[in-house]
Protein backbone atom coordinates (compact mmCIF):
# COMPACT_ATOMS: atom_id res chain seq x y z
CA MET A 1 -0.04 -0.03 0.16
CA TYR A 2 1.00 3.62 0.06
CA ARG A 3 3.06 4.67 2.79
CA LYS A 4 2.62 7.86 4.54
CA GLU A 5 5.10 10.26 6.22
CA GLU A 6 5.26 9.49 9.89
CA SER A 7 5.36 13.17 10.94
CA SER A 8 2.08 13.89 12.24
CA SER A 9 1.08 12.87 16.01
CA TYR A 10 -2.09 10.99 14.46
CA SER A 11 0.75 8.94 12.33
CA ARG A 12 2.30 7.77 15.51
CA HIS A 13 -0.58 6.47 17.45
CA GLN A 14 -2.41 4.77 14.55
CA THR A 15 -3.06 1.40 15.14
CA ASP A 16 -2.37 -1.37 12.44
CA TYR A 17 -6.16 -1.65 11.63
CA SER A 18 -6.23 2.04 10.89
CA ARG A 19 -3.67 2.18 8.59
CA TRP A 20 -4.72 -1.28 6.64
CA ASN A 21 -8.02 0.56 6.75
CA ASP A 22 -6.43 3.75 5.26
CA GLU A 23 -4.28 2.10 2.88
CA SER A 24 -7.14 -0.15 1.34
CA ASN A 25 -9.06 2.73 0.75
CA GLN A 26 -5.90 3.58 -1.76
CA VAL A 27 -5.40 0.29 -3.53
CA PRO A 28 -5.17 1.17 -7.51
CA LEU A 29 -8.69 0.78 -9.38
CA ARG A 30 -7.04 -2.02 -11.58
CA TYR A 31 -6.11 -4.29 -8.28
CA ASN A 32 -10.02 -3.68 -7.26
CA LEU A 33 -11.32 -4.36 -10.91
CA GLY A 34 -9.54 -7.61 -11.57
CA THR A 35 -10.81 -9.06 -8.00
CA ALA A 36 -14.31 -8.27 -8.81
CA LEU A 37 -13.96 -10.08 -12.37
CA CYS A 38 -12.15 -12.78 -10.90
CA SER A 39 -14.57 -13.31 -8.18
CA TRP A 40 -17.69 -12.92 -10.68
CA LEU A 41 -15.75 -15.91 -12.86
CA VAL A 42 -15.68 -18.15 -10.00
CA LEU A 43 -19.16 -17.29 -8.93
CA THR A 44 -20.56 -17.76 -12.52
CA ALA A 45 -18.69 -21.23 -12.14
CA CYS A 46 -20.26 -22.50 -9.16
CA VAL A 47 -24.01 -21.38 -10.63
CA MET A 48 -23.26 -23.16 -13.42
CA LEU A 49 -21.79 -26.42 -12.17
CA PRO A 50 -24.75 -27.99 -10.54
CA GLY A 51 -26.73 -28.68 -13.96
CA THR A 52 -23.94 -29.90 -15.61
CA PHE A 53 -23.12 -33.49 -13.71
CA THR A 54 -22.15 -35.97 -16.44
CA SER A 55 -22.97 -38.67 -13.45
CA ILE A 56 -26.79 -38.03 -13.73
CA GLN A 57 -26.79 -38.87 -17.67
CA LYS A 58 -24.95 -41.91 -17.43
CA SER A 59 -26.67 -43.31 -14.29
CA THR A 60 -28.61 -46.61 -14.94
CA ASP A 61 -30.55 -46.39 -11.74
CA LEU A 62 -32.32 -43.22 -12.64
CA GLY A 63 -33.55 -44.44 -16.23
CA GLN A 64 -35.41 -47.30 -14.31
CA THR A 65 -38.14 -44.81 -13.05
CA GLU A 66 -40.20 -42.32 -15.03
CA SER A 67 -39.10 -39.57 -13.01
CA GLY A 68 -35.32 -40.53 -13.25
CA LYS A 69 -35.86 -40.46 -17.10
CA ALA A 70 -37.67 -37.18 -17.09
CA VAL A 71 -34.13 -35.80 -14.65
CA GLN A 72 -32.13 -37.58 -17.11
CA SER A 73 -33.46 -35.75 -20.08
CA ALA A 74 -33.48 -32.49 -18.17
CA ILE A 75 -29.97 -32.01 -18.41
CA LYS A 76 -28.75 -31.29 -21.22
CA ASN A 77 -25.89 -28.95 -20.82
CA VAL A 78 -23.14 -31.60 -19.84
CA HIS A 79 -20.51 -29.89 -22.29
CA LEU A 80 -20.83 -26.73 -19.46
CA LEU A 81 -19.22 -28.75 -16.95
CA GLY A 82 -15.66 -27.96 -18.93
CA LEU A 83 -16.52 -24.36 -19.36
CA SER A 84 -17.07 -24.32 -15.63
CA ALA A 85 -14.65 -25.66 -14.01
CA GLY A 86 -12.52 -23.73 -16.65
CA LEU A 87 -14.37 -20.59 -15.37
CA SER A 88 -13.78 -21.23 -11.81
CA LEU A 89 -10.23 -22.19 -12.51
CA LEU A 90 -9.09 -18.94 -14.03
CA GLY A 91 -11.24 -17.05 -11.59
CA LEU A 92 -9.05 -18.96 -8.58
CA VAL A 93 -5.66 -18.24 -10.70
CA GLY A 94 -6.53 -14.67 -11.29
CA LEU A 95 -7.17 -14.14 -7.41
CA GLY A 96 -4.38 -15.47 -6.18
CA ALA A 97 -2.13 -13.60 -9.02
CA ILE A 98 -3.48 -10.53 -7.35
CA ARG A 99 -3.25 -11.20 -4.13
CA TRP A 100 0.67 -12.50 -4.97
CA HIS A 101 1.52 -9.24 -6.91
CA MET A 102 -0.32 -7.00 -3.93
CA ILE A 103 1.97 -8.66 -1.21
CA ARG A 104 4.95 -8.38 -2.97
CA LYS A 105 4.53 -5.01 -4.25
CA TYR A 106 2.36 -3.27 -1.13
CA GLY A 107 2.87 -5.80 1.53
CA SER A 108 -0.23 -7.83 3.50
CA ASN A 109 -3.27 -5.71 4.06
CA PRO A 110 -5.84 -7.82 5.54
CA ILE A 111 -8.41 -5.37 5.60
CA TRP A 112 -8.08 -5.24 1.44
CA ASP A 113 -8.11 -9.10 1.79
CA ILE A 114 -11.45 -9.19 3.22
CA ARG A 115 -13.11 -6.29 1.03
CA SER A 116 -11.84 -7.26 -2.18
CA ILE A 117 -10.83 -11.41 -2.35
CA TYR A 118 -12.86 -12.98 0.73
CA TRP A 119 -16.16 -11.15 0.72
């Protein structure tokens, strides 16, 4: 993050939480936008995933009943499993890369982590 001058009396008595909070508000916009995009990729993958299981299509037990056949025929988006896994992986790698770069360039800031990555 951006280090401020330690000249004022406020800076000398500032707690770590206050300093992290101030610094988290000064993070460049590109990091916040990148984190938001990667978080949305992971969220999109999580929304797509439940309807794409291939084991339901190949299940022999479900095919024995009428309701089971209806479930098998309703799931048509098996090819989305790869897309969902790819989006999730891309989002998680992106979040990790942004976090790694933030630590190397600005140091650790738990407040920014919670607000941008984990929230």
